């Protein structure tokens, strides 16, 4: 079962680097969304504090 899990994870990791949407890989899209959500959290904190 653990072997299957690691094979699945490896396959997903490969796909995230290979699948391209709008000229970017899925990893790039994920990184951008994480960055945006971090920025909005920071902005929310700034609004709350100041």
N, C-alpha and C. Protein backbone atom coordinates (compact mmCIF):
# COMPACT_ATOMS: atom_id res chain seq x y z
N UNK A 1 0.84 -1.21 0.00
CA UNK A 1 0.00 0.00 0.00
C UNK A 1 0.86 1.25 0.00
N UNK A 2 1.96 1.23 0.80
CA UNK A 2 2.84 2.40 0.84
C UNK A 2 3.52 2.62 -0.51
N UNK A 3 3.85 1.51 -1.18
CA UNK A 3 4.48 1.63 -2.50
C UNK A 3 3.54 2.33 -3.47
N UNK A 4 2.29 1.92 -3.45
CA UNK A 4 1.29 2.53 -4.34
C UNK A 4 1.18 4.02 -4.03
N UNK A 5 1.13 4.36 -2.75
CA UNK A 5 1.05 5.76 -2.34
C UNK A 5 2.21 6.56 -2.92
N UNK A 6 3.43 6.03 -2.82
CA UNK A 6 4.58 6.80 -3.31
C UNK A 6 4.57 6.89 -4.83
N UNK A 7 4.10 5.84 -5.50
CA UNK A 7 4.00 5.89 -6.96
C UNK A 7 2.99 6.96 -7.37
N UNK A 8 1.86 6.99 -6.69
CA UNK A 8 0.83 7.99 -6.98
C UNK A 8 1.38 9.39 -6.76
N UNK A 9 2.08 9.60 -5.64
CA UNK A 9 2.63 10.92 -5.34
C UNK A 9 3.67 11.33 -6.38
N UNK A 10 4.53 10.39 -6.79
CA UNK A 10 5.53 10.69 -7.82
C UNK A 10 4.85 11.09 -9.12
N UNK A 11 3.81 10.34 -9.48
CA UNK A 11 3.09 10.61 -10.73
C UNK A 11 2.45 11.99 -10.70
N UNK A 12 1.83 12.32 -9.57
CA UNK A 12 1.20 13.63 -9.43
C UNK A 12 2.26 14.73 -9.53
N UNK A 13 3.40 14.54 -8.88
CA UNK A 13 4.48 15.53 -8.93
C UNK A 13 4.94 15.74 -10.36
N UNK A 14 5.09 14.64 -11.11
CA UNK A 14 5.50 14.75 -12.51
C UNK A 14 4.46 15.49 -13.33
N UNK A 15 3.19 15.14 -13.12
CA UNK A 15 2.11 15.78 -13.88
C UNK A 15 2.06 17.27 -13.60
N UNK A 16 2.28 17.65 -12.33
CA UNK A 16 2.21 19.07 -11.99
C UNK A 16 3.28 19.86 -12.73
N UNK A 17 4.40 19.20 -13.07
CA UNK A 17 5.45 19.88 -13.82
C UNK A 17 5.23 19.80 -15.33
N UNK A 18 4.43 18.83 -15.76
CA UNK A 18 4.26 18.61 -17.19
C UNK A 18 2.99 19.25 -17.74
N UNK A 19 1.93 19.26 -16.95
CA UNK A 19 0.66 19.81 -17.43
C UNK A 19 0.79 21.32 -17.50
N UNK A 20 0.44 21.88 -18.65
CA UNK A 20 0.59 23.32 -18.84
C UNK A 20 -0.76 23.96 -19.14
N UNK A 21 -1.08 24.99 -18.35
CA UNK A 21 -2.31 25.77 -18.53
C UNK A 21 -1.88 27.21 -18.72
N UNK A 22 -2.41 27.86 -19.73
CA UNK A 22 -2.08 29.28 -19.97
C UNK A 22 -0.57 29.51 -20.00
N UNK A 23 0.16 28.57 -20.54
CA UNK A 23 1.62 28.74 -20.66
C UNK A 23 2.38 28.51 -19.37
N UNK A 24 1.70 28.04 -18.31
CA UNK A 24 2.38 27.79 -17.04
C UNK A 24 2.08 26.37 -16.58
N UNK A 25 3.02 25.79 -15.85
CA UNK A 25 2.76 24.47 -15.28
C UNK A 25 1.81 24.61 -14.10
N UNK A 26 1.22 23.49 -13.69
CA UNK A 26 0.33 23.51 -12.54
C UNK A 26 1.07 24.00 -11.30
N UNK A 27 2.35 23.60 -11.16
CA UNK A 27 3.13 24.05 -10.00
C UNK A 27 3.22 25.57 -9.96
N UNK A 28 3.41 26.20 -11.12
CA UNK A 28 3.50 27.66 -11.16
C UNK A 28 2.16 28.29 -10.76
N UNK A 29 1.06 27.71 -11.25
CA UNK A 29 -0.26 28.22 -10.88
C UNK A 29 -0.49 28.09 -9.38
N UNK A 30 -0.11 26.93 -8.83
CA UNK A 30 -0.30 26.69 -7.39
C UNK A 30 0.54 27.69 -6.59
N UNK A 31 1.78 27.90 -6.99
CA UNK A 31 2.66 28.83 -6.28
C UNK A 31 2.08 30.25 -6.31
N UNK A 32 1.55 30.64 -7.46
CA UNK A 32 0.97 31.99 -7.58
C UNK A 32 -0.24 32.14 -6.67
N UNK A 33 -1.09 31.11 -6.63
CA UNK A 33 -2.28 31.20 -5.79
C UNK A 33 -1.90 31.25 -4.31
N UNK A 34 -0.87 30.47 -3.92
CA UNK A 34 -0.43 30.50 -2.53
C UNK A 34 0.11 31.88 -2.19
N UNK A 35 0.88 32.46 -3.12
CA UNK A 35 1.45 33.79 -2.90
C UNK A 35 0.33 34.82 -2.74
N UNK A 36 -0.67 34.74 -3.62
CA UNK A 36 -1.79 35.68 -3.56
C UNK A 36 -2.54 35.56 -2.24
N UNK A 37 -2.77 34.33 -1.80
CA UNK A 37 -3.53 34.17 -0.55
C UNK A 37 -2.70 34.67 0.64
N UNK A 38 -1.37 34.49 0.59
CA UNK A 38 -0.52 35.03 1.65
C UNK A 38 -0.59 36.55 1.65
N UNK A 39 -0.53 37.15 0.46
CA UNK A 39 -0.58 38.61 0.37
C UNK A 39 -1.90 39.14 0.89
N UNK A 40 -3.01 38.47 0.57
CA UNK A 40 -4.30 38.96 1.04
C UNK A 40 -4.41 38.80 2.55
N UNK A 41 -3.80 37.75 3.12
CA UNK A 41 -3.79 37.59 4.58
C UNK A 41 -3.01 38.74 5.22
N UNK A 42 -1.86 39.06 4.63
CA UNK A 42 -1.03 40.15 5.16
C UNK A 42 -1.79 41.47 5.09
N UNK A 43 -2.43 41.72 3.94
CA UNK A 43 -3.21 42.96 3.79
C UNK A 43 -4.36 43.01 4.79
N UNK A 44 -4.99 41.88 5.02
CA UNK A 44 -6.07 41.82 6.01
C UNK A 44 -5.55 42.16 7.40
N UNK A 45 -4.37 41.64 7.74
CA UNK A 45 -3.76 41.94 9.04
C UNK A 45 -3.43 43.42 9.15
N UNK A 46 -2.87 43.97 8.05
CA UNK A 46 -2.52 45.40 8.05
C UNK A 46 -3.76 46.24 8.31
N UNK A 47 -4.87 45.90 7.63
CA UNK A 47 -6.11 46.66 7.81
C UNK A 47 -6.59 46.55 9.26
N UNK A 48 -6.43 45.36 9.80
CA UNK A 48 -6.89 45.12 11.16
C UNK A 48 -6.04 45.91 12.17
N UNK A 49 -4.73 45.97 11.93
CA UNK A 49 -3.82 46.60 12.88
C UNK A 49 -3.77 48.11 12.76
N UNK A 50 -3.95 48.63 11.54
CA UNK A 50 -3.73 50.08 11.37
C UNK A 50 -5.03 50.81 11.06
